[in-house]
Amino acid sequence: MIELPELLLIVMLMVVGGGLALWLLWRMQVAAEPQYYVRALGPPAEPKCPQCGYGLYYAEDHRCPECGRSFEIKELDMRLAQWDGRVLQPKKLQDE
């Protein structure tokens, strides 16, 4: 017959083991999704105005909305942005 202290130890080990298994499953799910890596590294590098440093996502023309300086798309860091002919937008992570 199992005594009470042994039974409590068995239940405690089952709860801790089950929690650890659930955490590992969740962690594997998170690791499989690339956007979590981007979040861990910080916000994406938004294209900035060469003069004042203002973020240019959703700029509708080739002019900084903050300081008014005109810019060319080739001047900007476009690794995480795209120009669709109308507006400067963030790239979707699935496209990379």
PDB file of N, CA and C in Angstrom:
ATOM      1  N   MET A   1       0.848  -1.184   0.000  1.00  0.00           N
ATOM      2  CA  MET A   1       0.000   0.000   0.000  1.00  0.00           C
ATOM      3  C   MET A   1       0.886   1.238   0.000  1.00  0.00           C
ATOM      4  N   ILE A   2       0.504   2.224  -0.820  1.00  0.00           N
ATOM      5  CA  ILE A   2       1.259   3.475  -0.918  1.00  0.00           C
ATOM      6  C   ILE A   2       0.819   4.388   0.223  1.00  0.00           C
ATOM      7  N   GLU A   3       1.799   4.917   0.901  1.00  0.00           N
ATOM      8  CA  GLU A   3       1.504   5.810   2.020  1.00  0.00           C
ATOM      9  C   GLU A   3       1.288   7.235   1.509  1.00  0.00           C
ATOM     10  N   LEU A   4       0.712   8.078   2.326  1.00  0.00           N
ATOM     11  CA  LEU A   4       0.357   9.439   1.933  1.00  0.00           C
ATOM     12  C   LEU A   4       1.551  10.266   1.436  1.00  0.00           C
ATOM     13  N   PRO A   5       2.693  10.280   2.133  1.00  0.00           N
ATOM     14  CA  PRO A   5       3.822  11.077   1.621  1.00  0.00           C
ATOM     15  C   PRO A   5       4.290  10.603   0.241  1.00  0.00           C
ATOM     16  N   GLU A   6       4.287   9.298   0.017  1.00  0.00           N
ATOM     17  CA  GLU A   6       4.693   8.788  -1.293  1.00  0.00           C
ATOM     18  C   GLU A   6       3.680   9.174  -2.367  1.00  0.00           C
ATOM     19  N   LEU A   7       2.398   9.125  -2.030  1.00  0.00           N
ATOM     20  CA  LEU A   7       1.348   9.491  -2.964  1.00  0.00           C
ATOM     21  C   LEU A   7       1.460  10.982  -3.338  1.00  0.00           C
ATOM     22  N   LEU A   8       1.712  11.825  -2.352  1.00  0.00           N
ATOM     23  CA  LEU A   8       1.885  13.253  -2.619  1.00  0.00           C
ATOM     24  C   LEU A   8       3.094  13.501  -3.520  1.00  0.00           C
ATOM     25  N   LEU A   9       4.173  12.765  -3.291  1.00  0.00           N
ATOM     26  CA  LEU A   9       5.364  12.902  -4.125  1.00  0.00           C
ATOM     27  C   LEU A   9       5.062  12.488  -5.566  1.00  0.00           C
ATOM     28  N   ILE A  10       4.329  11.393  -5.745  1.00  0.00           N
ATOM     29  CA  ILE A  10       3.976  10.920  -7.076  1.00  0.00           C
ATOM     30  C   ILE A  10       3.098  11.950  -7.787  1.00  0.00           C
ATOM     31  N   VAL A  11       2.099  12.492  -7.105  1.00  0.00           N
ATOM     32  CA  VAL A  11       1.210  13.492  -7.706  1.00  0.00           C
ATOM     33  C   VAL A  11       1.997  14.747  -8.062  1.00  0.00           C
ATOM     34  N   MET A  12       2.872  15.167  -7.175  1.00  0.00           N
ATOM     35  CA  MET A  12       3.670  16.362  -7.423  1.00  0.00           C
ATOM     36  C   MET A  12       4.577  16.166  -8.639  1.00  0.00           C
ATOM     37  N   LEU A  13       5.208  15.007  -8.757  1.00  0.00           N
ATOM     38  CA  LEU A  13       6.059  14.722  -9.904  1.00  0.00           C
ATOM     39  C   LEU A  13       5.255  14.675 -11.200  1.00  0.00           C
ATOM     40  N   MET A  14       4.034  14.164 -11.156  1.00  0.00           N
ATOM     41  CA  MET A  14       3.187  14.114 -12.343  1.00  0.00           C
ATOM     42  C   MET A  14       2.789  15.532 -12.786  1.00  0.00           C
ATOM     43  N   VAL A  15       2.453  16.377 -11.822  1.00  0.00           N
ATOM     44  CA  VAL A  15       2.066  17.745 -12.154  1.00  0.00           C
ATOM     45  C   VAL A  15       3.251  18.509 -12.752  1.00  0.00           C
ATOM     46  N   VAL A  16       4.413  18.397 -12.138  1.00  0.00           N
ATOM     47  CA  VAL A  16       5.597  19.090 -12.639  1.00  0.00           C
ATOM     48  C   VAL A  16       5.990  18.531 -14.001  1.00  0.00           C
ATOM     49  N   GLY A  17       5.983  17.231 -14.170  1.00  0.00           N
ATOM     50  CA  GLY A  17       6.328  16.610 -15.455  1.00  0.00           C
ATOM     51  C   GLY A  17       5.352  16.998 -16.550  1.00  0.00           C
ATOM     52  N   GLY A  18       4.065  17.020 -16.230  1.00  0.00           N
ATOM     53  CA  GLY A  18       3.058  17.423 -17.209  1.00  0.00           C
ATOM     54  C   GLY A  18       3.222  18.880 -17.608  1.00  0.00           C
ATOM     55  N   GLY A  19       3.489  19.739 -16.641  1.00  0.00           N
ATOM     56  CA  GLY A  19       3.720  21.151 -16.937  1.00  0.00           C
ATOM     57  C   GLY A  19       4.949  21.343 -17.809  1.00  0.00           C
ATOM     58  N   LEU A  20       5.999  20.603 -17.514  1.00  0.00           N
ATOM     59  CA  LEU A  20       7.221  20.684 -18.320  1.00  0.00           C
ATOM     60  C   LEU A  20       6.957  20.206 -19.746  1.00  0.00           C
ATOM     61  N   ALA A  21       6.203  19.132 -19.901  1.00  0.00           N
ATOM     62  CA  ALA A  21       5.875  18.621 -21.235  1.00  0.00           C
ATOM     63  C   ALA A  21       5.056  19.643 -22.015  1.00  0.00           C
ATOM     64  N   LEU A  22       4.074  20.268 -21.379  1.00  0.00           N
ATOM     65  CA  LEU A  22       3.283  21.292 -22.058  1.00  0.00           C
ATOM     66  C   LEU A  22       4.133  22.495 -22.451  1.00  0.00           C
ATOM     67  N   TRP A  23       5.031  22.905 -21.578  1.00  0.00           N
ATOM     68  CA  TRP A  23       5.909  24.030 -21.892  1.00  0.00           C
ATOM     69  C   TRP A  23       6.804  23.700 -23.082  1.00  0.00           C
ATOM     70  N   LEU A  24       7.351  22.473 -23.116  1.00  0.00           N
ATOM     71  CA  LEU A  24       8.206  22.087 -24.240  1.00  0.00           C
ATOM     72  C   LEU A  24       7.434  22.057 -25.549  1.00  0.00           C
ATOM     73  N   LEU A  25       6.202  21.565 -25.532  1.00  0.00           N
ATOM     74  CA  LEU A  25       5.372  21.554 -26.736  1.00  0.00           C
ATOM     75  C   LEU A  25       5.094  22.973 -27.216  1.00  0.00           C
ATOM     76  N   TRP A  26       4.762  23.864 -26.284  1.00  0.00           N
ATOM     77  CA  TRP A  26       4.511  25.259 -26.642  1.00  0.00           C
ATOM     78  C   TRP A  26       5.777  25.890 -27.208  1.00  0.00           C
ATOM     79  N   ARG A  27       6.914  25.616 -26.606  1.00  0.00           N
ATOM     80  CA  ARG A  27       8.187  26.197 -27.041  1.00  0.00           C
ATOM     81  C   ARG A  27       8.538  25.733 -28.454  1.00  0.00           C
ATOM     82  N   MET A  28       8.269  24.467 -28.762  1.00  0.00           N
ATOM     83  CA  MET A  28       8.530  23.962 -30.108  1.00  0.00           C
ATOM     84  C   MET A  28       7.611  24.646 -31.116  1.00  0.00           C
ATOM     85  N   GLN A  29       6.381  24.925 -30.735  1.00  0.00           N
ATOM     86  CA  GLN A  29       5.440  25.628 -31.617  1.00  0.00           C
ATOM     87  C   GLN A  29       5.947  27.043 -31.899  1.00  0.00           C
ATOM     88  N   VAL A  30       6.394  27.728 -30.882  1.00  0.00           N
ATOM     89  CA  VAL A  30       6.899  29.094 -31.039  1.00  0.00           C
ATOM     90  C   VAL A  30       8.136  29.109 -31.914  1.00  0.00           C
ATOM     91  N   ALA A  31       9.022  28.148 -31.734  1.00  0.00           N
ATOM     92  CA  ALA A  31      10.257  28.107 -32.515  1.00  0.00           C
ATOM     93  C   ALA A  31       9.979  27.835 -33.987  1.00  0.00           C
ATOM     94  N   ALA A  32       8.862  27.194 -34.288  1.00  0.00           N
ATOM     95  CA  ALA A  32       8.532  26.870 -35.673  1.00  0.00           C
ATOM     96  C   ALA A  32       7.989  28.073 -36.438  1.00  0.00           C
ATOM     97  N   GLU A  33       7.628  29.140 -35.753  1.00  0.00           N
ATOM     98  CA  GLU A  33       7.041  30.310 -36.406  1.00  0.00           C
ATOM     99  C   GLU A  33       8.065  31.442 -36.457  1.00  0.00           C
ATOM    100  N   PRO A  34       8.520  31.843 -37.657  1.00  0.00           N
ATOM    101  CA  PRO A  34       9.617  32.802 -37.774  1.00  0.00           C
ATOM    102  C   PRO A  34       9.322  34.190 -37.218  1.00  0.00           C
ATOM    103  N   GLN A  35       8.051  34.626 -37.159  1.00  0.00           N
ATOM    104  CA  GLN A  35       7.788  35.974 -36.661  1.00  0.00           C
ATOM    105  C   GLN A  35       8.146  36.119 -35.192  1.00  0.00           C
ATOM    106  N   TYR A  36       8.181  35.013 -34.440  1.00  0.00           N
ATOM    107  CA  TYR A  36       8.592  35.101 -33.048  1.00  0.00           C
ATOM    108  C   TYR A  36      10.074  35.451 -32.945  1.00  0.00           C
ATOM    109  N   TYR A  37      10.885  34.976 -33.888  1.00  0.00           N
ATOM    110  CA  TYR A  37      12.292  35.343 -33.875  1.00  0.00           C
ATOM    111  C   TYR A  37      12.455  36.834 -34.113  1.00  0.00           C
ATOM    112  N   VAL A  38      11.690  37.380 -35.038  1.00  0.00           N
ATOM    113  CA  VAL A  38      11.765  38.810 -35.310  1.00  0.00           C
ATOM    114  C   VAL A  38      11.370  39.601 -34.079  1.00  0.00           C
ATOM    115  N   ARG A  39      10.318  39.181 -33.385  1.00  0.00           N
ATOM    116  CA  ARG A  39       9.911  39.876 -32.163  1.00  0.00           C
ATOM    117  C   ARG A  39      11.007  39.812 -31.114  1.00  0.00           C
ATOM    118  N   ALA A  40      11.691  38.679 -31.025  1.00  0.00           N
ATOM    119  CA  ALA A  40      12.744  38.539 -30.021  1.00  0.00           C
ATOM    120  C   ALA A  40      13.923  39.462 -30.327  1.00  0.00           C
ATOM    121  N   LEU A  41      14.161  39.747 -31.591  1.00  0.00           N
ATOM    122  CA  LEU A  41      15.272  40.607 -31.972  1.00  0.00           C
ATOM    123  C   LEU A  41      14.923  42.085 -31.921  1.00  0.00           C
ATOM    124  N   GLY A  42      13.672  42.408 -31.666  1.00  0.00           N
ATOM    125  CA  GLY A  42      13.245  43.799 -31.606  1.00  0.00           C
ATOM    126  C   GLY A  42      12.445  44.182 -32.827  1.00  0.00           C
ATOM    127  N   PRO A  43      11.955  45.395 -32.856  1.00  0.00           N
ATOM    128  CA  PRO A  43      11.136  45.816 -33.988  1.00  0.00           C
ATOM    129  C   PRO A  43      11.956  45.882 -35.271  1.00  0.00           C
ATOM    130  N   PRO A  44      11.308  45.649 -36.407  1.00  0.00           N
ATOM    131  CA  PRO A  44      12.042  45.708 -37.668  1.00  0.00           C
ATOM    132  C   PRO A  44      12.601  47.097 -37.938  1.00  0.00           C
ATOM    133  N   ALA A  45      13.662  47.126 -38.718  1.00  0.00           N
ATOM    134  CA  ALA A  45      14.305  48.400 -39.051  1.00  0.00           C
ATOM    135  C   ALA A  45      13.458  49.126 -40.085  1.00  0.00           C
ATOM    136  N   GLU A  46      12.706  50.098 -39.641  1.00  0.00           N
ATOM    137  CA  GLU A  46      11.848  50.884 -40.525  1.00  0.00           C
ATOM    138  C   GLU A  46      12.713  51.843 -41.341  1.00  0.00           C
ATOM    139  N   PRO A  47      12.417  52.018 -42.631  1.00  0.00           N
ATOM    140  CA  PRO A  47      13.164  53.011 -43.409  1.00  0.00           C
ATOM    141  C   PRO A  47      13.007  54.400 -42.775  1.00  0.00           C
ATOM    142  N   LYS A  48      14.106  55.108 -42.645  1.00  0.00           N
ATOM    143  CA  LYS A  48      14.101  56.424 -41.984  1.00  0.00           C
ATOM    144  C   LYS A  48      14.492  57.508 -42.976  1.00  0.00           C
ATOM    145  N   CYS A  49      13.989  58.700 -42.717  1.00  0.00           N
ATOM    146  CA  CYS A  49      14.364  59.862 -43.519  1.00  0.00           C
ATOM    147  C   CYS A  49      15.867  60.100 -43.363  1.00  0.00           C
ATOM    148  N   PRO A  50      16.593  60.274 -44.465  1.00  0.00           N
ATOM    149  CA  PRO A  50      18.044  60.505 -44.359  1.00  0.00           C
ATOM    150  C   PRO A  50      18.401  61.788 -43.612  1.00  0.00           C
ATOM    151  N   GLN A  51      17.497  62.749 -43.563  1.00  0.00           N
ATOM    152  CA  GLN A  51      17.797  64.021 -42.911  1.00  0.00           C
ATOM    153  C   GLN A  51      17.399  64.043 -41.438  1.00  0.00           C
ATOM    154  N   CYS A  52      16.140  63.704 -41.122  1.00  0.00           N
ATOM    155  CA  CYS A  52      15.666  63.874 -39.734  1.00  0.00           C
ATOM    156  C   CYS A  52      15.470  62.547 -38.993  1.00  0.00           C
ATOM    157  N   GLY A  53      15.511  61.401 -39.697  1.00  0.00           N
ATOM    158  CA  GLY A  53      15.365  60.112 -39.037  1.00  0.00           C
ATOM    159  C   GLY A  53      13.927  59.692 -38.800  1.00  0.00           C
ATOM    160  N   TYR A  54      12.972  60.414 -39.327  1.00  0.00           N
ATOM    161  CA  TYR A  54      11.549  60.089 -39.150  1.00  0.00           C
ATOM    162  C   TYR A  54      11.223  58.788 -39.878  1.00  0.00           C
ATOM    163  N   GLY A  55      10.408  57.920 -39.249  1.00  0.00           N
ATOM    164  CA  GLY A  55      10.008  56.664 -39.870  1.00  0.00           C
ATOM    165  C   GLY A  55       9.118  56.908 -41.087  1.00  0.00           C
ATOM    166  N   LEU A  56       9.425  56.222 -42.176  1.00  0.00           N
ATOM    167  CA  LEU A  56       8.743  56.514 -43.430  1.00  0.00           C
ATOM    168  C   LEU A  56       7.726  55.469 -43.868  1.00  0.00           C
ATOM    169  N   TYR A  57       7.386  54.499 -43.012  1.00  0.00           N
ATOM    170  CA  TYR A  57       6.325  53.572 -43.392  1.00  0.00           C
ATOM    171  C   TYR A  57       5.058  54.372 -43.687  1.00  0.00           C
ATOM    172  N   TYR A  58       4.386  54.000 -44.732  1.00  0.00           N
ATOM    173  CA  TYR A  58       3.112  54.584 -45.163  1.00  0.00           C
ATOM    174  C   TYR A  58       3.262  56.010 -45.708  1.00  0.00           C
ATOM    175  N   ALA A  59       4.485  56.393 -46.057  1.00  0.00           N
ATOM    176  CA  ALA A  59       4.673  57.670 -46.758  1.00  0.00           C
ATOM    177  C   ALA A  59       4.079  57.512 -48.152  1.00  0.00           C
ATOM    178  N   GLU A  60       3.275  58.475 -48.581  1.00  0.00           N
ATOM    179  CA  GLU A  60       2.562  58.337 -49.848  1.00  0.00           C
ATOM    180  C   GLU A  60       3.266  59.009 -51.020  1.00  0.00           C
ATOM    181  N   ASP A  61       4.319  59.725 -50.769  1.00  0.00           N
ATOM    182  CA  ASP A  61       5.095  60.272 -51.873  1.00  0.00           C
ATOM    183  C   ASP A  61       6.566  60.230 -51.468  1.00  0.00           C
ATOM    184  N   HIS A  62       7.425  60.709 -52.308  1.00  0.00           N
ATOM    185  CA  HIS A  62       8.857  60.666 -52.042  1.00  0.00           C
ATOM    186  C   HIS A  62       9.300  61.906 -51.264  1.00  0.00           C
ATOM    187  N   ARG A  63       8.570  62.206 -50.209  1.00  0.00           N
ATOM    188  CA  ARG A  63       8.870  63.358 -49.375  1.00  0.00           C
ATOM    189  C   ARG A  63       8.601  62.981 -47.923  1.00  0.00           C
ATOM    190  N   CYS A  64       9.509  63.358 -47.025  1.00  0.00           N
ATOM    191  CA  CYS A  64       9.343  63.073 -45.599  1.00  0.00           C
ATOM    192  C   CYS A  64       8.187  63.900 -45.045  1.00  0.00           C
ATOM    193  N   PRO A  65       7.233  63.273 -44.358  1.00  0.00           N
ATOM    194  CA  PRO A  65       6.122  64.034 -43.797  1.00  0.00           C
ATOM    195  C   PRO A  65       6.536  64.921 -42.614  1.00  0.00           C
ATOM    196  N   GLU A  66       7.700  64.661 -42.041  1.00  0.00           N
ATOM    197  CA  GLU A  66       8.150  65.423 -40.876  1.00  0.00           C
ATOM    198  C   GLU A  66       8.922  66.685 -41.288  1.00  0.00           C
ATOM    199  N   CYS A  67       9.983  66.513 -42.079  1.00  0.00           N
ATOM    200  CA  CYS A  67      10.838  67.660 -42.407  1.00  0.00           C
ATOM    201  C   CYS A  67      10.640  68.163 -43.837  1.00  0.00           C
ATOM    202  N   GLY A  68       9.959  67.388 -44.681  1.00  0.00           N
ATOM    203  CA  GLY A  68       9.682  67.825 -46.039  1.00  0.00           C
ATOM    204  C   GLY A  68      10.768  67.493 -47.056  1.00  0.00           C
ATOM    205  N   ARG A  69      11.867  66.859 -46.623  1.00  0.00           N
ATOM    206  CA  ARG A  69      12.952  66.532 -47.554  1.00  0.00           C
ATOM    207  C   ARG A  69      12.482  65.471 -48.543  1.00  0.00           C
ATOM    208  N   SER A  70      12.783  65.657 -49.806  1.00  0.00           N
ATOM    209  CA  SER A  70      12.465  64.630 -50.791  1.00  0.00           C
ATOM    210  C   SER A  70      13.559  63.562 -50.747  1.00  0.00           C
ATOM    211  N   PHE A  71      13.194  62.343 -51.077  1.00  0.00           N
ATOM    212  CA  PHE A  71      14.144  61.236 -51.048  1.00  0.00           C
ATOM    213  C   PHE A  71      13.875  60.306 -52.217  1.00  0.00           C
ATOM    214  N   GLU A  72      14.862  59.512 -52.532  1.00  0.00           N
ATOM    215  CA  GLU A  72      14.738  58.459 -53.536  1.00  0.00           C
ATOM    216  C   GLU A  72      14.666  57.133 -52.784  1.00  0.00           C
ATOM    217  N   ILE A  73      13.917  56.211 -53.334  1.00  0.00           N
ATOM    218  CA  ILE A  73      13.774  54.899 -52.685  1.00  0.00           C
ATOM    219  C   ILE A  73      15.138  54.237 -52.514  1.00  0.00           C
ATOM    220  N   LYS A  74      16.049  54.427 -53.464  1.00  0.00           N
ATOM    221  CA  LYS A  74      17.362  53.781 -53.371  1.00  0.00           C
ATOM    222  C   LYS A  74      18.202  54.312 -52.203  1.00  0.00           C
ATOM    223  N   GLU A  75      17.832  55.447 -51.620  1.00  0.00           N
ATOM    224  CA  GLU A  75      18.544  55.991 -50.459  1.00  0.00           C
ATOM    225  C   GLU A  75      18.171  55.279 -49.161  1.00  0.00           C
ATOM    226  N   LEU A  76      17.050  54.565 -49.154  1.00  0.00           N
ATOM    227  CA  LEU A  76      16.506  54.012 -47.916  1.00  0.00           C
ATOM    228  C   LEU A  76      16.923  52.559 -47.708  1.00  0.00           C
ATOM    229  N   ASP A  77      16.910  52.131 -46.457  1.00  0.00           N
ATOM    230  CA  ASP A  77      17.120  50.722 -46.116  1.00  0.00           C
ATOM    231  C   ASP A  77      15.806  49.997 -46.378  1.00  0.00           C
ATOM    232  N   MET A  78      15.742  49.244 -47.464  1.00  0.00           N
ATOM    233  CA  MET A  78      14.488  48.633 -47.908  1.00  0.00           C
ATOM    234  C   MET A  78      14.425  47.134 -47.609  1.00  0.00           C
ATOM    235  N   ARG A  79      15.289  46.635 -46.720  1.00  0.00           N
ATOM    236  CA  ARG A  79      15.267  45.201 -46.425  1.00  0.00           C
ATOM    237  C   ARG A  79      13.926  44.755 -45.865  1.00  0.00           C
ATOM    238  N   LEU A  80      13.275  45.598 -45.095  1.00  0.00           N
ATOM    239  CA  LEU A  80      12.001  45.221 -44.475  1.00  0.00           C
ATOM    240  C   LEU A  80      10.855  46.092 -44.962  1.00  0.00           C
ATOM    241  N   ALA A  81      11.010  46.680 -46.150  1.00  0.00           N
ATOM    242  CA  ALA A  81       9.956  47.542 -46.688  1.00  0.00           C
ATOM    243  C   ALA A  81       9.803  47.277 -48.181  1.00  0.00           C
ATOM    244  N   GLN A  82       8.701  47.730 -48.719  1.00  0.00           N
ATOM    245  CA  GLN A  82       8.460  47.613 -50.155  1.00  0.00           C
ATOM    246  C   GLN A  82       7.681  48.825 -50.631  1.00  0.00           C
ATOM    247  N   TRP A  83       7.963  49.244 -51.857  1.00  0.00           N
ATOM    248  CA  TRP A  83       7.245  50.359 -52.467  1.00  0.00           C
ATOM    249  C   TRP A  83       6.301  49.747 -53.478  1.00  0.00           C
ATOM    250  N   ASP A  84       5.011  49.964 -53.298  1.00  0.00           N
ATOM    251  CA  ASP A  84       4.040  49.353 -54.217  1.00  0.00           C
ATOM    252  C   ASP A  84       3.570  50.330 -55.300  1.00  0.00           C
ATOM    253  N   GLY A  85       4.281  51.431 -55.461  1.00  0.00           N
ATOM    254  CA  GLY A  85       3.908  52.426 -56.452  1.00  0.00           C
ATOM    255  C   GLY A  85       3.071  53.547 -55.875  1.00  0.00           C
ATOM    256  N   ARG A  86       2.490  53.309 -54.697  1.00  0.00           N
ATOM    257  CA  ARG A  86       1.662  54.320 -54.034  1.00  0.00           C
ATOM    258  C   ARG A  86       2.189  54.673 -52.666  1.00  0.00           C
ATOM    259  N   VAL A  87       2.603  53.642 -51.917  1.00  0.00           N
ATOM    260  CA  VAL A  87       2.932  53.850 -50.508  1.00  0.00           C
ATOM    261  C   VAL A  87       4.061  52.911 -50.087  1.00  0.00           C
ATOM    262  N   LEU A  88       4.891  53.372 -49.154  1.00  0.00           N
ATOM    263  CA  LEU A  88       5.972  52.573 -48.595  1.00  0.00           C
ATOM    264  C   LEU A  88       5.390  51.730 -47.476  1.00  0.00           C
ATOM    265  N   GLN A  89       5.493  50.402 -47.584  1.00  0.00           N
ATOM    266  CA  GLN A  89       4.847  49.506 -46.621  1.00  0.00           C
ATOM    267  C   GLN A  89       5.859  48.523 -46.017  1.00  0.00           C
ATOM    268  N   PRO A  90       5.531  47.989 -44.822  1.00  0.00           N
ATOM    269  CA  PRO A  90       6.355  46.910 -44.286  1.00  0.00           C
ATOM    270  C   PRO A  90       6.158  45.651 -45.139  1.00  0.00           C
ATOM    271  N   LYS A  91       7.230  44.873 -45.276  1.00  0.00           N
ATOM    272  CA  LYS A  91       7.109  43.594 -45.965  1.00  0.00           C
ATOM    273  C   LYS A  91       6.441  42.592 -45.039  1.00  0.00           C
ATOM    274  N   LYS A  92       5.690  41.691 -45.605  1.00  0.00           N
ATOM    275  CA  LYS A  92       5.132  40.597 -44.821  1.00  0.00           C
ATOM    276  C   LYS A  92       6.234  39.584 -44.598  1.00  0.00           C
ATOM    277  N   LEU A  93       6.291  39.013 -43.395  1.00  0.00           N
ATOM    278  CA  LEU A  93       7.374  38.084 -43.059  1.00  0.00           C
ATOM    279  C   LEU A  93       7.340  36.837 -43.928  1.00  0.00           C
ATOM    280  N   GLN A  94       6.176  36.413 -44.387  1.00  0.00           N
ATOM    281  CA  GLN A  94       6.061  35.214 -45.190  1.00  0.00           C
ATOM    282  C   GLN A  94       6.707  35.403 -46.562  1.00  0.00           C
ATOM    283  N   ASP A  95       6.859  36.650 -47.026  1.00  0.00           N
ATOM    284  CA  ASP A  95       7.433  36.923 -48.342  1.00  0.00           C
ATOM    285  C   ASP A  95       8.928  36.726 -48.377  1.00  0.00           C
ATOM    286  N   GLU A  96       9.568  36.732 -47.215  1.00  0.00           N
ATOM    287  CA  GLU A  96      11.030  36.656 -47.189  1.00  0.00           C
ATOM    288  C   GLU A  96      11.516  35.247 -47.292  1.00  0.00           C
TER     289      GLU A  96
END
